[in-house]
Amino acid sequence: MKLILRLTFLLGAIQPQVHAQAPAFDEYQVKAAFLFNFAKFVEWPPDAFSSPDQPIGICVLGQNPFGTVLEETVRGKVVGHRTFVVLQILDGQHVTGCHIVFICASAGKRSVSLLEELRNKGVLTVSETDGVQAMGGVIGLNLKDGRVRIEIDLAAAERAKLRISSKLLSLAEIKKQ
């Protein structure tokens, strides 16, 4: 009888345990939240907006990895009396109304010409491609050790006439050229 009780206990102990799993990390939900929050901590030059009520344009260059997440993240949100609009762009010729440009990894060589086009235009360029700061991009969002990391190139921000809050700078790795 004791042997049966021991076997029952041991079998119960080795049965697989069912645990609630944590929700999966969604890189693009995090990046969408960053893009929204960057608008709170970046000051654009006065001529970046055509009117006091022009929305903050978040533009995506390359194959859109966000799906609907970016639109859902900014829907109904307001920063400094400005709403948001999300646009898909094909190249540097169609950046009118863009205040934040997210350069997807799929943009490839188009990103080089776009960064050159936007260099002094008062546009916050954000990329997920390593080394974009060397090409003139302002912010890099890179996945390292399972976390999205922020890298900021202060020289590129200055060329773009953007002022970045010390609060945002304190969360980032600062790149200097």
N, C-alpha and C. Protein backbone atom coordinates (compact mmCIF):
# COMPACT_ATOMS: atom_id res chain seq x y z
N MET A 1 0.82 -1.20 0.00
CA MET A 1 0.00 0.00 0.00
C MET A 1 0.86 1.26 0.00
N LYS A 2 1.92 1.26 0.84
CA LYS A 2 2.82 2.41 0.86
C LYS A 2 3.49 2.59 -0.49
N LEU A 3 3.82 1.48 -1.14
CA LEU A 3 4.46 1.54 -2.46
C LEU A 3 3.52 2.18 -3.48
N ILE A 4 2.24 1.86 -3.43
CA ILE A 4 1.26 2.43 -4.35
C ILE A 4 1.10 3.93 -4.10
N LEU A 5 1.08 4.34 -2.84
CA LEU A 5 0.97 5.75 -2.52
C LEU A 5 2.19 6.52 -3.02
N ARG A 6 3.37 5.94 -2.84
CA ARG A 6 4.60 6.58 -3.32
C ARG A 6 4.58 6.72 -4.84
N LEU A 7 4.18 5.66 -5.55
CA LEU A 7 4.12 5.71 -7.00
C LEU A 7 3.11 6.74 -7.48
N THR A 8 1.97 6.80 -6.83
CA THR A 8 0.95 7.79 -7.18
C THR A 8 1.49 9.20 -6.98
N PHE A 9 2.17 9.43 -5.88
CA PHE A 9 2.76 10.73 -5.59
C PHE A 9 3.82 11.08 -6.64
N LEU A 10 4.70 10.15 -6.97
CA LEU A 10 5.75 10.39 -7.95
C LEU A 10 5.18 10.67 -9.33
N LEU A 11 4.19 9.90 -9.73
CA LEU A 11 3.56 10.13 -11.03
C LEU A 11 2.88 11.50 -11.09
N GLY A 12 2.26 11.88 -10.02
CA GLY A 12 1.63 13.21 -9.95
C GLY A 12 2.67 14.32 -10.00
N ALA A 13 3.83 14.07 -9.42
CA ALA A 13 4.88 15.08 -9.38
C ALA A 13 5.53 15.28 -10.74
N ILE A 14 5.55 14.24 -11.58
CA ILE A 14 6.23 14.40 -12.86
C ILE A 14 5.28 14.74 -14.01
N GLN A 15 4.00 14.85 -13.75
CA GLN A 15 3.09 15.26 -14.81
C GLN A 15 3.39 16.70 -15.19
N PRO A 16 3.23 17.02 -16.45
CA PRO A 16 3.54 18.38 -16.88
C PRO A 16 2.65 19.39 -16.17
N GLN A 17 3.27 20.47 -15.78
CA GLN A 17 2.56 21.55 -15.13
C GLN A 17 2.04 22.52 -16.20
N VAL A 18 0.85 23.02 -16.03
CA VAL A 18 0.28 23.99 -16.95
C VAL A 18 0.36 25.35 -16.28
N HIS A 19 1.10 26.24 -16.92
CA HIS A 19 1.27 27.60 -16.40
C HIS A 19 0.75 28.59 -17.42
N ALA A 20 0.23 29.67 -16.92
CA ALA A 20 -0.17 30.75 -17.83
C ALA A 20 1.10 31.34 -18.42
N GLN A 21 1.12 31.51 -19.72
CA GLN A 21 2.29 32.09 -20.35
C GLN A 21 2.13 33.59 -20.46
N ALA A 22 3.28 34.28 -20.33
CA ALA A 22 3.28 35.72 -20.50
C ALA A 22 3.03 36.03 -21.98
N PRO A 23 2.39 37.14 -22.27
CA PRO A 23 2.17 37.48 -23.67
C PRO A 23 3.50 37.62 -24.40
N ALA A 24 3.52 37.22 -25.65
CA ALA A 24 4.74 37.29 -26.43
C ALA A 24 5.16 38.74 -26.64
N PHE A 25 6.44 38.98 -26.66
CA PHE A 25 7.01 40.29 -26.91
C PHE A 25 6.75 40.66 -28.35
N ASP A 26 6.13 41.78 -28.59
CA ASP A 26 5.88 42.23 -29.96
C ASP A 26 6.74 43.46 -30.22
N GLU A 27 7.81 43.23 -30.97
CA GLU A 27 8.78 44.29 -31.27
C GLU A 27 8.12 45.52 -31.86
N TYR A 28 7.13 45.34 -32.74
CA TYR A 28 6.54 46.49 -33.41
C TYR A 28 5.50 47.22 -32.57
N GLN A 29 4.94 46.58 -31.58
CA GLN A 29 4.12 47.32 -30.61
C GLN A 29 5.01 48.26 -29.81
N VAL A 30 6.18 47.77 -29.42
CA VAL A 30 7.13 48.59 -28.67
C VAL A 30 7.61 49.75 -29.53
N LYS A 31 7.98 49.46 -30.78
CA LYS A 31 8.47 50.52 -31.66
C LYS A 31 7.38 51.54 -31.96
N ALA A 32 6.14 51.12 -32.09
CA ALA A 32 5.03 52.06 -32.31
C ALA A 32 4.87 52.97 -31.09
N ALA A 33 4.98 52.41 -29.91
CA ALA A 33 4.89 53.22 -28.69
C ALA A 33 6.04 54.22 -28.63
N PHE A 34 7.23 53.80 -29.03
CA PHE A 34 8.37 54.73 -29.07
C PHE A 34 8.09 55.87 -30.03
N LEU A 35 7.60 55.57 -31.23
CA LEU A 35 7.34 56.63 -32.20
C LEU A 35 6.34 57.65 -31.66
N PHE A 36 5.29 57.18 -31.02
CA PHE A 36 4.32 58.09 -30.40
C PHE A 36 5.00 58.94 -29.32
N ASN A 37 5.77 58.29 -28.45
CA ASN A 37 6.39 59.02 -27.35
C ASN A 37 7.50 59.96 -27.79
N PHE A 38 8.16 59.66 -28.90
CA PHE A 38 9.17 60.60 -29.40
C PHE A 38 8.55 61.96 -29.66
N ALA A 39 7.30 61.99 -30.11
CA ALA A 39 6.62 63.26 -30.39
C ALA A 39 6.50 64.12 -29.13
N LYS A 40 6.47 63.49 -27.98
CA LYS A 40 6.37 64.23 -26.71
C LYS A 40 7.70 64.85 -26.30
N PHE A 41 8.80 64.28 -26.79
CA PHE A 41 10.11 64.68 -26.30
C PHE A 41 11.01 65.28 -27.37
N VAL A 42 10.43 65.62 -28.51
CA VAL A 42 11.18 66.27 -29.58
C VAL A 42 10.50 67.59 -29.90
N GLU A 43 11.31 68.62 -30.08
CA GLU A 43 10.79 69.93 -30.46
C GLU A 43 11.24 70.20 -31.90
N TRP A 44 10.26 70.43 -32.79
CA TRP A 44 10.56 70.69 -34.19
C TRP A 44 10.77 72.18 -34.41
N PRO A 45 11.48 72.56 -35.46
CA PRO A 45 11.63 73.99 -35.77
C PRO A 45 10.28 74.58 -36.16
N PRO A 46 10.10 75.88 -35.98
CA PRO A 46 8.80 76.51 -36.25
C PRO A 46 8.27 76.27 -37.67
N ASP A 47 9.14 76.16 -38.65
CA ASP A 47 8.68 76.00 -40.03
C ASP A 47 8.40 74.54 -40.42
N ALA A 48 8.50 73.61 -39.46
CA ALA A 48 8.25 72.19 -39.75
C ALA A 48 6.76 71.91 -39.99
N PHE A 49 5.91 72.76 -39.44
CA PHE A 49 4.46 72.58 -39.57
C PHE A 49 3.89 73.75 -40.37
N SER A 50 3.00 73.44 -41.29
CA SER A 50 2.42 74.49 -42.14
C SER A 50 1.35 75.30 -41.42
N SER A 51 0.79 74.74 -40.34
CA SER A 51 -0.24 75.46 -39.58
C SER A 51 -0.21 74.97 -38.13
N PRO A 52 -0.80 75.75 -37.23
CA PRO A 52 -0.79 75.36 -35.82
C PRO A 52 -1.56 74.07 -35.52
N ASP A 53 -2.45 73.68 -36.41
CA ASP A 53 -3.22 72.46 -36.16
C ASP A 53 -2.85 71.31 -37.11
N GLN A 54 -1.78 71.47 -37.88
CA GLN A 54 -1.35 70.37 -38.75
C GLN A 54 -0.98 69.16 -37.90
N PRO A 55 -1.47 67.99 -38.26
CA PRO A 55 -1.13 66.79 -37.48
C PRO A 55 0.35 66.43 -37.60
N ILE A 56 0.81 65.69 -36.63
CA ILE A 56 2.17 65.14 -36.67
C ILE A 56 2.10 63.94 -37.61
N GLY A 57 2.84 64.02 -38.69
CA GLY A 57 2.85 62.94 -39.67
C GLY A 57 3.93 61.92 -39.33
N ILE A 58 3.49 60.68 -39.10
CA ILE A 58 4.44 59.57 -38.93
C ILE A 58 4.39 58.79 -40.23
N CYS A 59 5.52 58.76 -40.93
CA CYS A 59 5.59 58.11 -42.23
C CYS A 59 6.46 56.88 -42.14
N VAL A 60 6.07 55.86 -42.88
CA VAL A 60 6.79 54.58 -42.88
C VAL A 60 7.35 54.37 -44.28
N LEU A 61 8.69 54.23 -44.37
CA LEU A 61 9.35 53.93 -45.64
C LEU A 61 9.73 52.47 -45.66
N GLY A 62 9.30 51.76 -46.70
CA GLY A 62 9.57 50.33 -46.81
C GLY A 62 8.30 49.55 -46.54
N GLN A 63 8.43 48.24 -46.58
CA GLN A 63 7.28 47.37 -46.31
C GLN A 63 6.86 47.54 -44.86
N ASN A 64 5.64 47.95 -44.64
CA ASN A 64 5.14 48.29 -43.30
C ASN A 64 5.11 47.07 -42.39
N PRO A 65 6.00 47.03 -41.37
CA PRO A 65 6.01 45.89 -40.45
C PRO A 65 5.01 46.02 -39.31
N PHE A 66 4.36 47.17 -39.20
CA PHE A 66 3.46 47.44 -38.08
C PHE A 66 2.07 46.84 -38.25
N GLY A 67 1.67 46.59 -39.48
CA GLY A 67 0.28 46.22 -39.69
C GLY A 67 -0.58 47.40 -39.30
N THR A 68 -1.54 47.19 -38.40
CA THR A 68 -2.39 48.30 -37.94
C THR A 68 -1.96 48.84 -36.58
N VAL A 69 -0.89 48.26 -36.02
CA VAL A 69 -0.47 48.62 -34.66
C VAL A 69 -0.11 50.09 -34.52
N LEU A 70 0.60 50.66 -35.49
CA LEU A 70 1.00 52.06 -35.40
C LEU A 70 -0.22 52.97 -35.41
N GLU A 71 -1.15 52.73 -36.33
CA GLU A 71 -2.37 53.55 -36.37
C GLU A 71 -3.16 53.43 -35.08
N GLU A 72 -3.28 52.22 -34.57
CA GLU A 72 -4.00 52.01 -33.32
C GLU A 72 -3.32 52.70 -32.14
N THR A 73 -2.00 52.74 -32.16
CA THR A 73 -1.24 53.37 -31.07
C THR A 73 -1.49 54.87 -31.00
N VAL A 74 -1.58 55.53 -32.16
CA VAL A 74 -1.71 56.99 -32.16
C VAL A 74 -3.15 57.48 -32.33
N ARG A 75 -4.06 56.57 -32.63
CA ARG A 75 -5.47 56.97 -32.84
C ARG A 75 -6.02 57.68 -31.60
N GLY A 76 -6.54 58.89 -31.82
CA GLY A 76 -7.15 59.66 -30.74
C GLY A 76 -6.16 60.34 -29.81
N LYS A 77 -4.87 60.17 -30.04
CA LYS A 77 -3.86 60.78 -29.17
C LYS A 77 -3.54 62.19 -29.66
N VAL A 78 -3.17 63.04 -28.73
CA VAL A 78 -2.83 64.43 -29.03
C VAL A 78 -1.55 64.79 -28.28
N VAL A 79 -0.65 65.46 -28.98
CA VAL A 79 0.57 65.98 -28.36
C VAL A 79 0.67 67.45 -28.74
N GLY A 80 0.64 68.32 -27.74
CA GLY A 80 0.74 69.76 -28.00
C GLY A 80 -0.32 70.27 -28.96
N HIS A 81 -1.55 69.90 -28.80
CA HIS A 81 -2.69 70.30 -29.63
C HIS A 81 -2.65 69.69 -31.03
N ARG A 82 -1.78 68.73 -31.24
CA ARG A 82 -1.68 68.11 -32.57
C ARG A 82 -2.10 66.65 -32.50
N THR A 83 -2.90 66.23 -33.47
CA THR A 83 -3.25 64.83 -33.61
C THR A 83 -2.16 64.15 -34.46
N PHE A 84 -2.40 62.92 -34.84
CA PHE A 84 -1.43 62.17 -35.63
C PHE A 84 -2.07 61.65 -36.90
N VAL A 85 -1.23 61.46 -37.90
CA VAL A 85 -1.61 60.79 -39.13
C VAL A 85 -0.46 59.86 -39.49
N VAL A 86 -0.80 58.65 -39.95
CA VAL A 86 0.22 57.67 -40.35
C VAL A 86 0.12 57.52 -41.86
N LEU A 87 1.29 57.63 -42.53
CA LEU A 87 1.35 57.55 -43.98
C LEU A 87 2.40 56.55 -44.42
N GLN A 88 2.16 55.89 -45.53
CA GLN A 88 3.15 55.01 -46.15
C GLN A 88 3.80 55.81 -47.26
N ILE A 89 5.15 55.86 -47.30
CA ILE A 89 5.84 56.58 -48.36
C ILE A 89 6.71 55.62 -49.16
N LEU A 90 6.91 55.97 -50.41
CA LEU A 90 7.69 55.11 -51.30
C LEU A 90 9.13 55.59 -51.46
N ASP A 91 9.32 56.92 -51.40
CA ASP A 91 10.67 57.46 -51.56
C ASP A 91 10.72 58.86 -50.98
N GLY A 92 11.87 59.50 -51.10
CA GLY A 92 12.07 60.83 -50.54
C GLY A 92 11.25 61.92 -51.20
N GLN A 93 10.68 61.64 -52.37
CA GLN A 93 9.91 62.65 -53.08
C GLN A 93 8.51 62.85 -52.46
N HIS A 94 8.09 61.92 -51.61
CA HIS A 94 6.72 61.98 -51.08
C HIS A 94 6.70 62.17 -49.56
N VAL A 95 7.55 63.03 -49.05
CA VAL A 95 7.64 63.19 -47.59
C VAL A 95 6.91 64.43 -47.08
N THR A 96 6.16 65.09 -47.92
CA THR A 96 5.39 66.24 -47.48
C THR A 96 4.42 65.79 -46.38
N GLY A 97 4.43 66.51 -45.28
CA GLY A 97 3.56 66.16 -44.16
C GLY A 97 4.17 65.15 -43.19
N CYS A 98 5.41 64.74 -43.45
CA CYS A 98 6.09 63.80 -42.56
C CYS A 98 6.95 64.56 -41.54
N HIS A 99 6.74 64.27 -40.28
CA HIS A 99 7.53 64.88 -39.21
C HIS A 99 8.41 63.83 -38.54
N ILE A 100 7.94 62.60 -38.56
CA ILE A 100 8.72 61.45 -38.11
C ILE A 100 8.70 60.45 -39.26
N VAL A 101 9.87 60.02 -39.70
CA VAL A 101 9.95 59.02 -40.75
C VAL A 101 10.61 57.78 -40.17
N PHE A 102 9.88 56.68 -40.21
CA PHE A 102 10.40 55.39 -39.76
C PHE A 102 10.90 54.64 -40.98
N ILE A 103 12.19 54.34 -40.98
CA ILE A 103 12.83 53.65 -42.10
C ILE A 103 12.94 52.18 -41.75
N CYS A 104 12.14 51.37 -42.44
CA CYS A 104 12.11 49.92 -42.20
C CYS A 104 13.37 49.27 -42.77
N ALA A 105 13.69 48.12 -42.24
CA ALA A 105 14.83 47.36 -42.75
C ALA A 105 14.65 47.05 -44.23
N SER A 106 13.40 46.88 -44.67
CA SER A 106 13.13 46.54 -46.07
C SER A 106 13.36 47.71 -47.02
N ALA A 107 13.59 48.92 -46.51
CA ALA A 107 13.77 50.09 -47.38
C ALA A 107 15.06 50.01 -48.19
N GLY A 108 16.06 49.30 -47.67
CA GLY A 108 17.31 49.10 -48.40
C GLY A 108 17.97 50.39 -48.82
N LYS A 109 18.39 50.45 -50.08
CA LYS A 109 19.14 51.59 -50.60
C LYS A 109 18.33 52.87 -50.67
N ARG A 110 17.00 52.73 -50.68
CA ARG A 110 16.16 53.95 -50.69
C ARG A 110 16.40 54.79 -49.45
N SER A 111 16.81 54.16 -48.35
CA SER A 111 17.01 54.91 -47.11
C SER A 111 18.17 55.89 -47.23
N VAL A 112 19.21 55.56 -47.99
CA VAL A 112 20.35 56.45 -48.15
C VAL A 112 19.93 57.74 -48.82
N SER A 113 19.19 57.64 -49.93
CA SER A 113 18.75 58.85 -50.63
C SER A 113 17.74 59.63 -49.79
N LEU A 114 16.88 58.94 -49.07
CA LEU A 114 15.90 59.62 -48.22
C LEU A 114 16.60 60.40 -47.10
N LEU A 115 17.57 59.78 -46.46
CA LEU A 115 18.30 60.46 -45.39
C LEU A 115 19.01 61.70 -45.92
N GLU A 116 19.56 61.61 -47.10
CA GLU A 116 20.22 62.77 -47.72
C GLU A 116 19.18 63.86 -47.99
N GLU A 117 18.03 63.48 -48.51
CA GLU A 117 16.96 64.43 -48.82
C GLU A 117 16.46 65.15 -47.56
N LEU A 118 16.37 64.44 -46.44
CA LEU A 118 15.80 64.98 -45.21
C LEU A 118 16.82 65.60 -44.26
N ARG A 119 18.07 65.56 -44.62
CA ARG A 119 19.18 65.97 -43.74
C ARG A 119 18.93 67.26 -42.97
N ASN A 120 18.43 68.29 -43.60
CA ASN A 120 18.25 69.61 -42.96
C ASN A 120 16.80 70.07 -42.98
N LYS A 121 15.86 69.16 -43.03
CA LYS A 121 14.45 69.51 -43.24
C LYS A 121 13.58 69.53 -41.99
N GLY A 122 14.12 69.33 -40.83
CA GLY A 122 13.28 69.34 -39.63
C GLY A 122 12.44 68.10 -39.48
N VAL A 123 12.96 66.96 -39.94
CA VAL A 123 12.24 65.69 -39.85
C VAL A 123 13.03 64.75 -38.95
N LEU A 124 12.33 64.11 -38.03
CA LEU A 124 12.95 63.13 -37.15
C LEU A 124 12.99 61.80 -37.89
N THR A 125 14.20 61.35 -38.23
CA THR A 125 14.36 60.07 -38.92
C THR A 125 14.67 59.00 -37.89
N VAL A 126 13.92 57.91 -37.96
CA VAL A 126 14.06 56.79 -37.03
C VAL A 126 14.22 55.53 -37.88
N SER A 127 15.24 54.74 -37.57
CA SER A 127 15.50 53.56 -38.37
C SER A 127 15.72 52.34 -37.51
N GLU A 128 15.41 51.18 -38.10
CA GLU A 128 15.69 49.92 -37.43
C GLU A 128 16.88 49.21 -38.07
N THR A 129 17.58 49.95 -38.93
CA THR A 129 18.74 49.40 -39.62
C THR A 129 20.01 49.82 -38.89
N ASP A 130 20.85 48.85 -38.54
CA ASP A 130 22.12 49.18 -37.88
C ASP A 130 22.94 50.11 -38.76
N GLY A 131 23.58 51.08 -38.12
CA GLY A 131 24.48 51.97 -38.83
C GLY A 131 23.81 53.13 -39.53
N VAL A 132 22.51 53.31 -39.35
CA VAL A 132 21.83 54.40 -40.05
C VAL A 132 22.32 55.76 -39.56
N GLN A 133 22.78 55.83 -38.33
CA GLN A 133 23.28 57.10 -37.83
C GLN A 133 24.51 57.54 -38.63
N ALA A 134 25.32 56.60 -39.07
CA ALA A 134 26.49 56.93 -39.88
C ALA A 134 26.07 57.55 -41.21
N MET A 135 24.84 57.28 -41.65
CA MET A 135 24.33 57.84 -42.90
C MET A 135 23.54 59.12 -42.67
N GLY A 136 23.42 59.56 -41.42
CA GLY A 136 22.72 60.81 -41.14
C GLY A 136 21.40 60.67 -40.43
N GLY A 137 21.00 59.47 -40.05
CA GLY A 137 19.75 59.27 -39.31
C GLY A 137 19.86 59.78 -37.88
N VAL A 138 18.75 60.17 -37.31
CA VAL A 138 18.75 60.74 -35.95
C VAL A 138 18.63 59.66 -34.88
N ILE A 139 17.65 58.77 -35.01
CA ILE A 139 17.42 57.76 -33.98
C ILE A 139 17.45 56.37 -34.59
N GLY A 140 18.10 55.47 -33.90
CA GLY A 140 18.08 54.06 -34.26
C GLY A 140 17.32 53.28 -33.20
N LEU A 141 16.43 52.42 -33.62
CA LEU A 141 15.73 51.50 -32.73
C LEU A 141 16.21 50.11 -33.08
N ASN A 142 17.08 49.57 -32.25
CA ASN A 142 17.69 48.29 -32.56
C ASN A 142 17.32 47.25 -31.51
N LEU A 143 17.11 46.04 -31.97
CA LEU A 143 16.78 44.93 -31.09
C LEU A 143 18.08 44.29 -30.62
N LYS A 144 18.33 44.36 -29.31
CA LYS A 144 19.52 43.76 -28.71
C LYS A 144 19.12 43.06 -27.43
N ASP A 145 19.54 41.82 -27.30
CA ASP A 145 19.25 41.03 -26.11
C ASP A 145 17.76 40.99 -25.80
N GLY A 146 16.93 40.92 -26.84
CA GLY A 146 15.50 40.81 -26.65
C GLY A 146 14.80 42.10 -26.25
N ARG A 147 15.51 43.23 -26.34
CA ARG A 147 14.93 44.52 -25.98
C ARG A 147 15.17 45.52 -27.09
N VAL A 148 14.27 46.46 -27.25
CA VAL A 148 14.44 47.52 -28.22
C VAL A 148 15.27 48.61 -27.55
N ARG A 149 16.40 48.93 -28.17
CA ARG A 149 17.33 49.94 -27.64
C ARG A 149 17.26 51.21 -28.50
N ILE A 150 17.42 52.34 -27.86
CA ILE A 150 17.40 53.63 -28.54
C ILE A 150 18.83 54.14 -28.67
N GLU A 151 19.20 54.53 -29.89
CA GLU A 151 20.48 55.20 -30.14
C GLU A 151 20.16 56.54 -30.80
N ILE A 152 20.79 57.60 -30.30
CA ILE A 152 20.52 58.93 -30.84
C ILE A 152 21.83 59.56 -31.30
N ASP A 153 21.80 60.12 -32.50
CA ASP A 153 22.94 60.86 -33.04
C ASP A 153 22.63 62.34 -32.86
N LEU A 154 23.31 62.97 -31.90
CA LEU A 154 23.04 64.38 -31.60
C LEU A 154 23.40 65.31 -32.75
N ALA A 155 24.46 64.99 -33.48
CA ALA A 155 24.86 65.83 -34.62
C ALA A 155 23.78 65.80 -35.70
N ALA A 156 23.21 64.64 -35.95
CA ALA A 156 22.13 64.54 -36.94
C ALA A 156 20.89 65.30 -36.48
N ALA A 157 20.59 65.23 -35.19
CA ALA A 157 19.44 65.98 -34.65
C ALA A 157 19.67 67.48 -34.81
N GLU A 158 20.88 67.92 -34.55
CA GLU A 158 21.20 69.34 -34.70
C GLU A 158 21.09 69.78 -36.16
N ARG A 159 21.60 68.96 -37.09
CA ARG A 159 21.49 69.29 -38.52
C ARG A 159 20.02 69.40 -38.94
N ALA A 160 19.17 68.55 -38.36
CA ALA A 160 17.75 68.57 -38.69
C ALA A 160 16.98 69.64 -37.92
N LYS A 161 17.69 70.41 -37.10
CA LYS A 161 17.10 71.49 -36.30
C LYS A 161 16.08 70.99 -35.29
N LEU A 162 16.34 69.78 -34.76
CA LEU A 162 15.46 69.18 -33.76
C LEU A 162 16.09 69.30 -32.39
N ARG A 163 15.25 69.61 -31.40
CA ARG A 163 15.72 69.63 -30.02
C ARG A 163 15.12 68.42 -29.32
N ILE A 164 16.00 67.61 -28.73
CA ILE A 164 15.56 66.39 -28.07
C ILE A 164 15.67 66.59 -26.56
N SER A 165 14.59 66.29 -25.87
CA SER A 165 14.52 66.47 -24.42
C SER A 165 15.57 65.63 -23.71
N SER A 166 16.07 66.17 -22.62
CA SER A 166 17.05 65.43 -21.80
C SER A 166 16.43 64.15 -21.24
N LYS A 167 15.12 64.13 -21.08
CA LYS A 167 14.46 62.91 -20.59
C LYS A 167 14.63 61.77 -21.60
N LEU A 168 14.45 62.06 -22.88
CA LEU A 168 14.65 61.05 -23.90
C LEU A 168 16.12 60.70 -24.03
N LEU A 169 16.97 61.69 -23.97
CA LEU A 169 18.42 61.44 -24.08
C LEU A 169 18.92 60.53 -22.95
N SER A 170 18.30 60.66 -21.78
CA SER A 170 18.75 59.84 -20.65
C SER A 170 18.42 58.35 -20.84
N LEU A 171 17.49 58.04 -21.75
CA LEU A 171 17.11 56.65 -22.01
C LEU A 171 17.89 56.04 -23.17
N ALA A 172 18.71 56.84 -23.83
CA ALA A 172 19.34 56.40 -25.07
C ALA A 172 20.85 56.26 -24.94
N GLU A 173 21.39 55.52 -25.90
CA GLU A 173 22.83 55.49 -26.09
C GLU A 173 23.11 56.62 -27.07
N ILE A 174 24.00 57.52 -26.69
CA ILE A 174 24.29 58.70 -27.51
C ILE A 174 25.45 58.38 -28.46
N LYS A 175 25.21 58.63 -29.74
CA LYS A 175 26.24 58.44 -30.77
C LYS A 175 26.77 59.80 -31.16
N LYS A 176 28.09 59.90 -31.23
CA LYS A 176 28.71 61.15 -31.64
C LYS A 176 29.56 60.90 -32.86
N GLN A 177 29.44 61.79 -33.82
CA GLN A 177 30.24 61.63 -35.04
C GLN A 177 31.40 62.59 -35.03
